[in-house]
């Protein structure tokens, strides 16, 4: 999917420096896998699907492994040696973007559920509004813990501030519109503004949300585009979040293939990965697992409890139940 010109002069910036303490793991959070692909890989695939080719990934914790994966995926890498907040993370990429003049799309490396169509609308709305900053927002049934979007009373289309829950009044806590952590910002304003942000807060960190207040004080146009669903806006901070995100992505894959003529028997029991290719009239039996670059051609039937990895099943072939097929090993 491409955005028909809306990605002209747009650079992608992915913040992937955090440790992810709640994951209880020695591995960087963004390298935990969803359907066989690191969380970060889903975010980078999203950017690639939009047509944004100039992508910088900010790494910190586990910089060697995260940086290697980012480079292998075709991205540039900036290192945040000490993690001092989201604004500090963006500043780490300044060198990579100092010659860039356009809009910077900032995404969190732990938000793999955003859809290309949502980013398409976000980019289009940002460009048409002429805003210096646009914030992708969502309405949550329970916004507890999220920063709230406070819109201007005299101009509800514009943003007054992003208020973190710990700083919000009771009235502001009643706002259901939250900040997803995704932004579009004019590159020149972004780095000028980051130079003015302080760290006078309990954590001693530099917050990216502070550029919104700064822009408003300077009389700049700041917009919130409330086009992300609650599902898309979910970030991954724990193993429970990881499991929930994987089920969401898997359901999207299953629905996609069913819409293209594939039958899944007891669909909720089946596991497959994004690189798997299925053709029309394929039938996949219950509790089957399809991984890697597996291809199942037209009319083939995969028996229940089968495991396929990096193999091709020719058209019309029936694979017996409980089969194991791996690349270069045939039927096991």
C-alpha atoms as a PDB file:
ATOM      1  CA  UNK A   1       0.000   0.000   0.000  1.00  0.00           C
ATOM      2  CA  UNK A   2       1.317   3.442  -0.893  1.00  0.00           C
ATOM      3  CA  UNK A   3      -0.046   6.810   0.100  1.00  0.00           C
ATOM      4  CA  UNK A   4      -0.234   8.370  -3.369  1.00  0.00           C
ATOM      5  CA  UNK A   5       2.238  11.133  -2.714  1.00  0.00           C
ATOM      6  CA  UNK A   6       1.419  11.875   0.911  1.00  0.00           C
ATOM      7  CA  UNK A   7       4.683  10.238   2.001  1.00  0.00           C
ATOM      8  CA  UNK A   8       6.751  12.718  -0.008  1.00  0.00           C
ATOM      9  CA  UNK A   9       9.211  14.347   2.381  1.00  0.00           C
ATOM     10  CA  UNK A  10       8.219  12.120   5.286  1.00  0.00           C
ATOM     11  CA  UNK A  11      10.821  10.363   7.421  1.00  0.00           C
ATOM     12  CA  UNK A  12       9.967   7.631   9.899  1.00  0.00           C
ATOM     13  CA  UNK A  13      11.438   7.680  13.405  1.00  0.00           C
ATOM     14  CA  UNK A  14      10.908   4.624  15.605  1.00  0.00           C
ATOM     15  CA  UNK A  15      11.648   4.856  19.327  1.00  0.00           C
ATOM     16  CA  UNK A  16      12.991   1.451  20.369  1.00  0.00           C
ATOM     17  CA  UNK A  17      15.485   2.204  23.146  1.00  0.00           C
ATOM     18  CA  UNK A  18      13.482   1.094  26.188  1.00  0.00           C
ATOM     19  CA  UNK A  19      14.266  -1.908  28.319  1.00  0.00           C
ATOM     20  CA  UNK A  20      10.731  -3.115  28.930  1.00  0.00           C
ATOM     21  CA  UNK A  21      11.110  -3.937  32.614  1.00  0.00           C
ATOM     22  CA  UNK A  22       7.638  -5.464  32.896  1.00  0.00           C
ATOM     23  CA  UNK A  23       8.539  -8.105  30.314  1.00  0.00           C
ATOM     24  CA  UNK A  24      10.796  -9.715  32.958  1.00  0.00           C
ATOM     25  CA  UNK A  25      13.312 -10.678  30.305  1.00  0.00           C
ATOM     26  CA  UNK A  26      16.979 -10.321  29.404  1.00  0.00           C
ATOM     27  CA  UNK A  27      15.898  -9.553  25.822  1.00  0.00           C
ATOM     28  CA  UNK A  28      14.975  -6.038  24.654  1.00  0.00           C
ATOM     29  CA  UNK A  29      11.201  -5.640  24.626  1.00  0.00           C
ATOM     30  CA  UNK A  30      10.968  -4.828  20.919  1.00  0.00           C
ATOM     31  CA  UNK A  31      12.760  -8.080  20.024  1.00  0.00           C
ATOM     32  CA  UNK A  32      10.096 -10.328  21.548  1.00  0.00           C
ATOM     33  CA  UNK A  33       8.231 -12.053  18.735  1.00  0.00           C
ATOM     34  CA  UNK A  34       4.670 -11.855  17.491  1.00  0.00           C
ATOM     35  CA  UNK A  35       3.833 -14.583  14.957  1.00  0.00           C
ATOM     36  CA  UNK A  36       7.529 -15.286  14.429  1.00  0.00           C
ATOM     37  CA  UNK A  37       8.523 -11.649  13.857  1.00  0.00           C
ATOM     38  CA  UNK A  38       9.983  -9.238  16.459  1.00  0.00           C
ATOM     39  CA  UNK A  39       7.608  -6.521  17.647  1.00  0.00           C
ATOM     40  CA  UNK A  40       9.903  -3.974  16.004  1.00  0.00           C
ATOM     41  CA  UNK A  41       9.665  -5.870  12.719  1.00  0.00           C
ATOM     42  CA  UNK A  42       5.905  -5.332  12.613  1.00  0.00           C
ATOM     43  CA  UNK A  43       6.392  -1.578  13.068  1.00  0.00           C
ATOM     44  CA  UNK A  44       9.041  -1.437  10.341  1.00  0.00           C
ATOM     45  CA  UNK A  45       6.830  -3.456   7.990  1.00  0.00           C
ATOM     46  CA  UNK A  46       4.038  -0.968   8.642  1.00  0.00           C
ATOM     47  CA  UNK A  47       6.274   1.936   7.655  1.00  0.00           C
ATOM     48  CA  UNK A  48       7.461   0.108   4.550  1.00  0.00           C
ATOM     49  CA  UNK A  49       3.864  -0.590   3.519  1.00  0.00           C
ATOM     50  CA  UNK A  50       3.136   3.133   3.641  1.00  0.00           C
ATOM     51  CA  UNK A  51       5.919   3.943   1.219  1.00  0.00           C
ATOM     52  CA  UNK A  52       8.106   5.650   3.825  1.00  0.00           C
ATOM     53  CA  UNK A  53      11.631   4.541   2.981  1.00  0.00           C
ATOM     54  CA  UNK A  54      13.764   6.887   5.088  1.00  0.00           C
ATOM     55  CA  UNK A  55      13.487   5.271   8.534  1.00  0.00           C
ATOM     56  CA  UNK A  56      15.632   5.767  11.627  1.00  0.00           C
ATOM     57  CA  UNK A  57      15.387   3.467  14.642  1.00  0.00           C
ATOM     58  CA  UNK A  58      16.551   4.835  17.992  1.00  0.00           C
ATOM     59  CA  UNK A  59      18.133   2.041  20.022  1.00  0.00           C
ATOM     60  CA  UNK A  60      19.405   1.898  23.595  1.00  0.00           C
ATOM     61  CA  UNK A  61      18.896  -1.166  25.751  1.00  0.00           C
ATOM     62  CA  UNK A  62      20.216  -4.131  23.779  1.00  0.00           C
ATOM     63  CA  UNK A  63      21.507  -1.728  21.139  1.00  0.00           C
ATOM     64  CA  UNK A  64      23.638  -4.394  19.454  1.00  0.00           C
ATOM     65  CA  UNK A  65      20.826  -6.853  18.737  1.00  0.00           C
ATOM     66  CA  UNK A  66      18.135  -4.229  18.088  1.00  0.00           C
ATOM     67  CA  UNK A  67      20.463  -2.193  15.913  1.00  0.00           C
ATOM     68  CA  UNK A  68      21.510  -5.245  13.896  1.00  0.00           C
ATOM     69  CA  UNK A  69      17.885  -6.169  13.245  1.00  0.00           C
ATOM     70  CA  UNK A  70      17.007  -2.598  12.253  1.00  0.00           C
ATOM     71  CA  UNK A  71      19.911  -2.351   9.813  1.00  0.00           C
ATOM     72  CA  UNK A  72      19.115  -5.754   8.305  1.00  0.00           C
ATOM     73  CA  UNK A  73      15.575  -4.433   7.779  1.00  0.00           C
ATOM     74  CA  UNK A  74      16.926  -1.481   5.807  1.00  0.00           C
ATOM     75  CA  UNK A  75      16.711   1.206   8.505  1.00  0.00           C
ATOM     76  CA  UNK A  76      19.293   3.624   9.816  1.00  0.00           C
ATOM     77  CA  UNK A  77      20.169   3.475  13.506  1.00  0.00           C
ATOM     78  CA  UNK A  78      20.704   6.164  16.144  1.00  0.00           C
ATOM     79  CA  UNK A  79      21.894   5.310  19.649  1.00  0.00           C
ATOM     80  CA  UNK A  80      20.457   6.749  22.853  1.00  0.00           C
ATOM     81  CA  UNK A  81      23.289   5.907  25.242  1.00  0.00           C
ATOM     82  CA  UNK A  82      21.372   6.900  28.374  1.00  0.00           C
ATOM     83  CA  UNK A  83      17.580   6.699  28.404  1.00  0.00           C
ATOM     84  CA  UNK A  84      16.328  10.101  29.572  1.00  0.00           C
ATOM     85  CA  UNK A  85      12.838  10.148  28.104  1.00  0.00           C
ATOM     86  CA  UNK A  86      11.101  10.259  24.739  1.00  0.00           C
ATOM     87  CA  UNK A  87      12.270  13.743  23.770  1.00  0.00           C
ATOM     88  CA  UNK A  88      15.849  12.723  24.545  1.00  0.00           C
ATOM     89  CA  UNK A  89      15.357   9.652  22.324  1.00  0.00           C
ATOM     90  CA  UNK A  90      14.248  11.828  19.402  1.00  0.00           C
ATOM     91  CA  UNK A  91      17.262  14.093  19.924  1.00  0.00           C
ATOM     92  CA  UNK A  92      19.488  11.047  19.511  1.00  0.00           C
ATOM     93  CA  UNK A  93      18.372  10.917  15.876  1.00  0.00           C
ATOM     94  CA  UNK A  94      19.146  14.554  15.171  1.00  0.00           C
ATOM     95  CA  UNK A  95      22.368  13.787  13.309  1.00  0.00           C
ATOM     96  CA  UNK A  96      20.547  11.399  10.951  1.00  0.00           C
ATOM     97  CA  UNK A  97      17.874  14.008  10.201  1.00  0.00           C
ATOM     98  CA  UNK A  98      19.860  17.244  10.242  1.00  0.00           C
ATOM     99  CA  UNK A  99      19.753  17.528   6.432  1.00  0.00           C
ATOM    100  CA  UNK A 100      16.104  16.474   6.223  1.00  0.00           C
ATOM    101  CA  UNK A 101      13.411  19.076   5.568  1.00  0.00           C
ATOM    102  CA  UNK A 102       9.893  17.684   5.858  1.00  0.00           C
ATOM    103  CA  UNK A 103       7.626  15.879   8.291  1.00  0.00           C
ATOM    104  CA  UNK A 104       8.872  13.318  10.802  1.00  0.00           C
ATOM    105  CA  UNK A 105       6.488  10.485  11.644  1.00  0.00           C
ATOM    106  CA  UNK A 106       7.352   9.341  15.167  1.00  0.00           C
ATOM    107  CA  UNK A 107       6.177   5.893  16.253  1.00  0.00           C
ATOM    108  CA  UNK A 108       6.821   3.801  19.336  1.00  0.00           C
ATOM    109  CA  UNK A 109       8.643   0.559  18.657  1.00  0.00           C
ATOM    110  CA  UNK A 110       6.182  -1.349  20.850  1.00  0.00           C
ATOM    111  CA  UNK A 111       2.960  -0.473  18.966  1.00  0.00           C
ATOM    112  CA  UNK A 112       2.682  -3.192  16.289  1.00  0.00           C
ATOM    113  CA  UNK A 113      -1.104  -3.081  15.916  1.00  0.00           C
ATOM    114  CA  UNK A 114      -1.464   0.149  13.940  1.00  0.00           C
ATOM    115  CA  UNK A 115      -2.889  -0.355  10.454  1.00  0.00           C
ATOM    116  CA  UNK A 116      -1.588   1.157   7.197  1.00  0.00           C
ATOM    117  CA  UNK A 117      -4.967   2.771   6.515  1.00  0.00           C
ATOM    118  CA  UNK A 118      -4.863   4.544   9.852  1.00  0.00           C
ATOM    119  CA  UNK A 119      -1.442   6.019   9.105  1.00  0.00           C
ATOM    120  CA  UNK A 120      -2.651   6.966   5.629  1.00  0.00           C
ATOM    121  CA  UNK A 121      -5.509   8.990   7.086  1.00  0.00           C
ATOM    122  CA  UNK A 122      -3.245  10.492   9.724  1.00  0.00           C
ATOM    123  CA  UNK A 123      -0.743  11.692   7.121  1.00  0.00           C
ATOM    124  CA  UNK A 124      -3.455  13.071   4.856  1.00  0.00           C
ATOM    125  CA  UNK A 125      -5.142  14.935   7.720  1.00  0.00           C
ATOM    126  CA  UNK A 126      -1.828  16.386   8.867  1.00  0.00           C
ATOM    127  CA  UNK A 127      -0.930  17.635   5.414  1.00  0.00           C
ATOM    128  CA  UNK A 128      -4.357  19.133   4.739  1.00  0.00           C
ATOM    129  CA  UNK A 129      -4.503  20.933   8.107  1.00  0.00           C
ATOM    130  CA  UNK A 130      -1.153  22.670   7.771  1.00  0.00           C
ATOM    131  CA  UNK A 131      -0.428  21.818  11.420  1.00  0.00           C
ATOM    132  CA  UNK A 132       3.100  22.090  12.753  1.00  0.00           C
ATOM    133  CA  UNK A 133       2.381  19.037  14.930  1.00  0.00           C
ATOM    134  CA  UNK A 134      -0.319  16.385  14.604  1.00  0.00           C
ATOM    135  CA  UNK A 135      -1.029  13.772  17.259  1.00  0.00           C
ATOM    136  CA  UNK A 136      -2.639  10.430  16.479  1.00  0.00           C
ATOM    137  CA  UNK A 137      -5.273   9.891  19.159  1.00  0.00           C
ATOM    138  CA  UNK A 138      -7.879   7.309  20.101  1.00  0.00           C
ATOM    139  CA  UNK A 139     -10.966   7.125  22.285  1.00  0.00           C
ATOM    140  CA  UNK A 140     -10.591   4.570  25.087  1.00  0.00           C
ATOM    141  CA  UNK A 141     -13.436   3.102  27.097  1.00  0.00           C
ATOM    142  CA  UNK A 142     -11.041   3.159  30.060  1.00  0.00           C
ATOM    143  CA  UNK A 143      -8.300   5.776  29.526  1.00  0.00           C
ATOM    144  CA  UNK A 144      -6.675   5.170  32.909  1.00  0.00           C
ATOM    145  CA  UNK A 145      -2.915   5.560  32.722  1.00  0.00           C
ATOM    146  CA  UNK A 146      -2.823   7.356  29.377  1.00  0.00           C
ATOM    147  CA  UNK A 147      -2.074  10.982  28.550  1.00  0.00           C
ATOM    148  CA  UNK A 148      -5.293  12.869  27.740  1.00  0.00           C
ATOM    149  CA  UNK A 149      -5.817  15.130  24.739  1.00  0.00           C
ATOM    150  CA  UNK A 150      -7.092  18.514  25.939  1.00  0.00           C
ATOM    151  CA  UNK A 151      -8.659  20.395  23.052  1.00  0.00           C
ATOM    152  CA  UNK A 152      -9.104  24.150  22.894  1.00  0.00           C
ATOM    153  CA  UNK A 153     -12.511  25.370  23.988  1.00  0.00           C
ATOM    154  CA  UNK A 154     -12.547  28.101  21.335  1.00  0.00           C
ATOM    155  CA  UNK A 155     -11.356  25.723  18.598  1.00  0.00           C
ATOM    156  CA  UNK A 156     -12.133  22.030  19.330  1.00  0.00           C
ATOM    157  CA  UNK A 157     -10.204  21.015  16.225  1.00  0.00           C
ATOM    158  CA  UNK A 158      -6.971  22.184  17.819  1.00  0.00           C
ATOM    159  CA  UNK A 159      -5.053  20.856  20.803  1.00  0.00           C
ATOM    160  CA  UNK A 160      -4.331  22.867  23.928  1.00  0.00           C
ATOM    161  CA  UNK A 161      -2.164  20.289  25.690  1.00  0.00           C
ATOM    162  CA  UNK A 162      -1.434  16.638  26.431  1.00  0.00           C
ATOM    163  CA  UNK A 163      -1.919  16.051  30.148  1.00  0.00           C
ATOM    164  CA  UNK A 164      -0.445  12.991  31.817  1.00  0.00           C
ATOM    165  CA  UNK A 165      -2.783  11.264  34.245  1.00  0.00           C
ATOM    166  CA  UNK A 166      -0.691  12.048  37.306  1.00  0.00           C
ATOM    167  CA  UNK A 167      -0.964  15.767  36.457  1.00  0.00           C
ATOM    168  CA  UNK A 168      -4.613  15.763  35.368  1.00  0.00           C
ATOM    169  CA  UNK A 169      -7.537  17.299  37.216  1.00  0.00           C
ATOM    170  CA  UNK A 170     -10.635  15.220  37.906  1.00  0.00           C
ATOM    171  CA  UNK A 171     -12.299  16.852  34.907  1.00  0.00           C
ATOM    172  CA  UNK A 172      -9.365  16.049  32.642  1.00  0.00           C
ATOM    173  CA  UNK A 173      -9.289  12.447  33.830  1.00  0.00           C
ATOM    174  CA  UNK A 174     -12.816  12.192  32.476  1.00  0.00           C
ATOM    175  CA  UNK A 175     -11.522  12.788  28.929  1.00  0.00           C
ATOM    176  CA  UNK A 176     -11.603   9.580  26.901  1.00  0.00           C
ATOM    177  CA  UNK A 177      -9.378  10.784  24.042  1.00  0.00           C
ATOM    178  CA  UNK A 178      -5.819   9.605  24.631  1.00  0.00           C
ATOM    179  CA  UNK A 179      -2.396  10.141  23.100  1.00  0.00           C
ATOM    180  CA  UNK A 180      -1.220   7.035  21.213  1.00  0.00           C
ATOM    181  CA  UNK A 181       2.397   8.227  21.207  1.00  0.00           C
ATOM    182  CA  UNK A 182       2.432   8.695  17.426  1.00  0.00           C
ATOM    183  CA  UNK A 183       3.197  12.138  16.023  1.00  0.00           C
ATOM    184  CA  UNK A 184       3.802  13.992  12.800  1.00  0.00           C
ATOM    185  CA  UNK A 185       5.967  17.058  13.209  1.00  0.00           C
ATOM    186  CA  UNK A 186       7.752  19.530  10.985  1.00  0.00           C
ATOM    187  CA  UNK A 187      11.410  18.561  11.240  1.00  0.00           C
ATOM    188  CA  UNK A 188      12.773  22.057  11.673  1.00  0.00           C
ATOM    189  CA  UNK A 189      10.324  22.927  14.428  1.00  0.00           C
ATOM    190  CA  UNK A 190      10.827  19.538  16.085  1.00  0.00           C
ATOM    191  CA  UNK A 191      14.541  19.858  16.721  1.00  0.00           C
ATOM    192  CA  UNK A 192      14.375  23.555  17.557  1.00  0.00           C
ATOM    193  CA  UNK A 193      11.644  22.804  20.123  1.00  0.00           C
ATOM    194  CA  UNK A 194      13.518  19.860  21.628  1.00  0.00           C
ATOM    195  CA  UNK A 195      16.372  22.210  22.415  1.00  0.00           C
ATOM    196  CA  UNK A 196      14.013  24.244  24.616  1.00  0.00           C
ATOM    197  CA  UNK A 197      12.535  21.348  26.600  1.00  0.00           C
ATOM    198  CA  UNK A 198      13.601  20.903  30.203  1.00  0.00           C
ATOM    199  CA  UNK A 199      13.542  17.946  32.563  1.00  0.00           C
ATOM    200  CA  UNK A 200      12.026  19.599  35.627  1.00  0.00           C
ATOM    201  CA  UNK A 201       9.886  16.638  36.664  1.00  0.00           C
ATOM    202  CA  UNK A 202       9.933  13.797  39.170  1.00  0.00           C
ATOM    203  CA  UNK A 203      11.683  11.435  36.741  1.00  0.00           C
ATOM    204  CA  UNK A 204      14.214  13.988  35.529  1.00  0.00           C
ATOM    205  CA  UNK A 205      13.366  13.041  31.942  1.00  0.00           C
ATOM    206  CA  UNK A 206      12.711  14.964  28.741  1.00  0.00           C
ATOM    207  CA  UNK A 207       9.161  14.342  27.513  1.00  0.00           C
ATOM    208  CA  UNK A 208       8.216  14.583  23.857  1.00  0.00           C
ATOM    209  CA  UNK A 209       4.714  15.711  24.840  1.00  0.00           C
ATOM    210  CA  UNK A 210       6.233  18.998  26.056  1.00  0.00           C
ATOM    211  CA  UNK A 211       6.682  20.152  22.454  1.00  0.00           C
ATOM    212  CA  UNK A 212       2.896  20.439  22.213  1.00  0.00           C
ATOM    213  CA  UNK A 213       2.720  22.991  25.030  1.00  0.00           C
ATOM    214  CA  UNK A 214       5.688  24.815  23.519  1.00  0.00           C
ATOM    215  CA  UNK A 215       4.043  24.955  20.080  1.00  0.00           C
ATOM    216  CA  UNK A 216       0.783  26.281  21.546  1.00  0.00           C
ATOM    217  CA  UNK A 217       2.674  29.012  23.428  1.00  0.00           C
ATOM    218  CA  UNK A 218       4.320  30.034  20.167  1.00  0.00           C
ATOM    219  CA  UNK A 219       0.913  30.255  18.462  1.00  0.00           C
ATOM    220  CA  UNK A 220       1.528  27.240  16.224  1.00  0.00           C
ATOM    221  CA  UNK A 221      -1.258  25.034  14.889  1.00  0.00           C
ATOM    222  CA  UNK A 222      -1.434  21.680  16.736  1.00  0.00           C
ATOM    223  CA  UNK A 223      -4.019  19.084  15.731  1.00  0.00           C
ATOM    224  CA  UNK A 224      -5.178  15.719  17.063  1.00  0.00           C
ATOM    225  CA  UNK A 225      -6.415  13.176  14.548  1.00  0.00           C
ATOM    226  CA  UNK A 226      -8.693  10.757  16.379  1.00  0.00           C
ATOM    227  CA  UNK A 227      -8.596   7.917  13.858  1.00  0.00           C
ATOM    228  CA  UNK A 228      -6.878   5.038  15.694  1.00  0.00           C
ATOM    229  CA  UNK A 229      -9.054   2.346  17.240  1.00  0.00           C
ATOM    230  CA  UNK A 230      -8.539   1.304  20.840  1.00  0.00           C
ATOM    231  CA  UNK A 231      -7.160  -2.000  19.576  1.00  0.00           C
ATOM    232  CA  UNK A 232      -4.580  -0.323  17.329  1.00  0.00           C
ATOM    233  CA  UNK A 233      -3.375   1.996  20.065  1.00  0.00           C
ATOM    234  CA  UNK A 234      -2.446  -0.797  22.460  1.00  0.00           C
ATOM    235  CA  UNK A 235       1.236  -0.876  23.311  1.00  0.00           C
ATOM    236  CA  UNK A 236       3.141  -3.904  24.578  1.00  0.00           C
ATOM    237  CA  UNK A 237       4.542  -3.665  28.083  1.00  0.00           C
ATOM    238  CA  UNK A 238       4.069  -7.171  29.474  1.00  0.00           C
ATOM    239  CA  UNK A 239       3.779 -10.824  28.444  1.00  0.00           C
ATOM    240  CA  UNK A 240       0.010 -10.480  28.767  1.00  0.00           C
ATOM    241  CA  UNK A 241       0.058  -7.588  26.302  1.00  0.00           C
ATOM    242  CA  UNK A 242       2.224  -9.698  24.003  1.00  0.00           C
ATOM    243  CA  UNK A 243      -0.271 -12.567  24.027  1.00  0.00           C
ATOM    244  CA  UNK A 244      -3.182 -10.213  23.433  1.00  0.00           C
ATOM    245  CA  UNK A 245      -1.435  -8.527  20.499  1.00  0.00           C
ATOM    246  CA  UNK A 246      -0.556 -11.868  18.937  1.00  0.00           C
ATOM    247  CA  UNK A 247      -4.189 -12.997  19.038  1.00  0.00           C
ATOM    248  CA  UNK A 248      -5.277  -9.733  17.398  1.00  0.00           C
ATOM    249  CA  UNK A 249      -2.697 -10.052  14.615  1.00  0.00           C
ATOM    250  CA  UNK A 250      -3.533 -13.720  14.108  1.00  0.00           C
ATOM    251  CA  UNK A 251      -7.239 -12.962  13.796  1.00  0.00           C
ATOM    252  CA  UNK A 252      -6.456 -10.330  11.175  1.00  0.00           C
ATOM    253  CA  UNK A 253      -4.452 -12.887   9.185  1.00  0.00           C
ATOM    254  CA  UNK A 254      -7.167 -15.538   9.438  1.00  0.00           C
ATOM    255  CA  UNK A 255      -9.853 -13.082   8.341  1.00  0.00           C
ATOM    256  CA  UNK A 256      -7.723 -11.935   5.426  1.00  0.00           C
ATOM    257  CA  UNK A 257      -7.208 -15.471   4.103  1.00  0.00           C
ATOM    258  CA  UNK A 258     -10.845 -16.470   4.633  1.00  0.00           C
ATOM    259  CA  UNK A 259     -11.898 -13.432   2.599  1.00  0.00           C
ATOM    260  CA  UNK A 260      -9.667 -14.770  -0.201  1.00  0.00           C
ATOM    261  CA  UNK A 261     -11.244 -18.234  -0.267  1.00  0.00           C
ATOM    262  CA  UNK A 262      -9.378 -20.277   2.356  1.00  0.00           C
ATOM    263  CA  UNK A 263     -11.197 -22.552   4.812  1.00  0.00           C
ATOM    264  CA  UNK A 264      -9.959 -22.927   8.385  1.00  0.00           C
ATOM    265  CA  UNK A 265     -11.528 -25.719  10.372  1.00  0.00           C
ATOM    266  CA  UNK A 266     -11.834 -24.623  13.993  1.00  0.00           C
ATOM    267  CA  UNK A 267     -10.110 -21.372  13.044  1.00  0.00           C
ATOM    268  CA  UNK A 268      -9.409 -20.297  16.615  1.00  0.00           C
ATOM    269  CA  UNK A 269      -7.075 -23.300  17.029  1.00  0.00           C
ATOM    270  CA  UNK A 270      -4.842 -22.534  14.017  1.00  0.00           C
ATOM    271  CA  UNK A 271      -1.486 -20.743  14.058  1.00  0.00           C
ATOM    272  CA  UNK A 272       0.076 -19.167  10.987  1.00  0.00           C
ATOM    273  CA  UNK A 273       2.661 -16.477  10.336  1.00  0.00           C
ATOM    274  CA  UNK A 274       2.563 -13.396   8.079  1.00  0.00           C
ATOM    275  CA  UNK A 275       4.892 -14.804   5.397  1.00  0.00           C
ATOM    276  CA  UNK A 276       2.696 -17.878   4.817  1.00  0.00           C
ATOM    277  CA  UNK A 277       0.944 -17.848   1.416  1.00  0.00           C
ATOM    278  CA  UNK A 278      -2.360 -19.650   0.853  1.00  0.00           C
ATOM    279  CA  UNK A 279      -4.281 -20.046  -2.387  1.00  0.00           C
ATOM    280  CA  UNK A 280      -8.005 -20.366  -3.075  1.00  0.00           C
ATOM    281  CA  UNK A 281      -9.891 -23.454  -1.870  1.00  0.00           C
ATOM    282  CA  UNK A 282      -7.134 -24.496   0.513  1.00  0.00           C
ATOM    283  CA  UNK A 283      -8.464 -26.252   3.637  1.00  0.00           C
ATOM    284  CA  UNK A 284      -6.475 -26.094   6.865  1.00  0.00           C
ATOM    285  CA  UNK A 285      -7.420 -28.644   9.514  1.00  0.00           C
ATOM    286  CA  UNK A 286      -7.781 -27.913  13.239  1.00  0.00           C
ATOM    287  CA  UNK A 287      -4.712 -27.241  15.396  1.00  0.00           C
ATOM    288  CA  UNK A 288      -2.399 -26.885  12.411  1.00  0.00           C
ATOM    289  CA  UNK A 289       0.744 -24.728  12.540  1.00  0.00           C
ATOM    290  CA  UNK A 290       2.076 -22.976   9.409  1.00  0.00           C
ATOM    291  CA  UNK A 291       5.332 -21.051   9.766  1.00  0.00           C
ATOM    292  CA  UNK A 292       7.946 -19.166   7.793  1.00  0.00           C
ATOM    293  CA  UNK A 293       7.806 -19.105   3.986  1.00  0.00           C
ATOM    294  CA  UNK A 294       5.290 -21.918   3.682  1.00  0.00           C
ATOM    295  CA  UNK A 295       3.145 -21.903   0.520  1.00  0.00           C
ATOM    296  CA  UNK A 296      -0.021 -23.987   0.176  1.00  0.00           C
ATOM    297  CA  UNK A 297      -1.349 -24.029  -3.375  1.00  0.00           C
ATOM    298  CA  UNK A 298      -4.866 -24.168  -4.736  1.00  0.00           C
ATOM    299  CA  UNK A 299      -7.158 -26.888  -3.418  1.00  0.00           C
ATOM    300  CA  UNK A 300      -4.608 -28.513  -1.094  1.00  0.00           C
ATOM    301  CA  UNK A 301      -5.822 -29.928   2.227  1.00  0.00           C
ATOM    302  CA  UNK A 302      -3.747 -29.831   5.400  1.00  0.00           C
ATOM    303  CA  UNK A 303      -4.801 -32.446   7.935  1.00  0.00           C
ATOM    304  CA  UNK A 304      -5.432 -31.670  11.590  1.00  0.00           C
ATOM    305  CA  UNK A 305      -2.482 -31.198  13.976  1.00  0.00           C
ATOM    306  CA  UNK A 306       0.000 -30.774  11.118  1.00  0.00           C
ATOM    307  CA  UNK A 307       3.179 -28.685  11.353  1.00  0.00           C
ATOM    308  CA  UNK A 308       4.553 -26.982   8.205  1.00  0.00           C
ATOM    309  CA  UNK A 309       7.650 -24.763   8.124  1.00  0.00           C
ATOM    310  CA  UNK A 310       9.256 -23.215   5.014  1.00  0.00           C
ATOM    311  CA  UNK A 311       7.690 -25.778   2.626  1.00  0.00           C
ATOM    312  CA  UNK A 312       5.534 -25.726  -0.482  1.00  0.00           C
ATOM    313  CA  UNK A 313       2.446 -27.922  -0.767  1.00  0.00           C
ATOM    314  CA  UNK A 314       1.437 -28.374  -4.398  1.00  0.00           C
ATOM    315  CA  UNK A 315      -2.084 -27.870  -5.717  1.00  0.00           C
ATOM    316  CA  UNK A 316      -4.608 -30.570  -4.841  1.00  0.00           C
ATOM    317  CA  UNK A 317      -2.302 -32.432  -2.457  1.00  0.00           C
ATOM    318  CA  UNK A 318      -3.693 -33.793   0.818  1.00  0.00           C
ATOM    319  CA  UNK A 319      -1.353 -33.788   3.803  1.00  0.00           C
ATOM    320  CA  UNK A 320      -2.368 -36.424   6.402  1.00  0.00           C
ATOM    321  CA  UNK A 321      -3.168 -35.391   9.975  1.00  0.00           C
ATOM    322  CA  UNK A 322      -0.245 -35.150  12.431  1.00  0.00           C
ATOM    323  CA  UNK A 323       2.254 -34.550   9.629  1.00  0.00           C
ATOM    324  CA  UNK A 324       5.477 -32.614  10.133  1.00  0.00           C
ATOM    325  CA  UNK A 325       6.992 -30.964   7.046  1.00  0.00           C
ATOM    326  CA  UNK A 326      10.137 -28.866   7.159  1.00  0.00           C
ATOM    327  CA  UNK A 327      12.342 -27.418   4.437  1.00  0.00           C
ATOM    328  CA  UNK A 328      14.678 -30.008   2.896  1.00  0.00           C
ATOM    329  CA  UNK A 329      13.318 -32.728   5.159  1.00  0.00           C
ATOM    330  CA  UNK A 330      10.103 -33.675   3.425  1.00  0.00           C
ATOM    331  CA  UNK A 331       7.418 -35.473   5.366  1.00  0.00           C
ATOM    332  CA  UNK A 332       8.561 -36.476   8.855  1.00  0.00           C
END
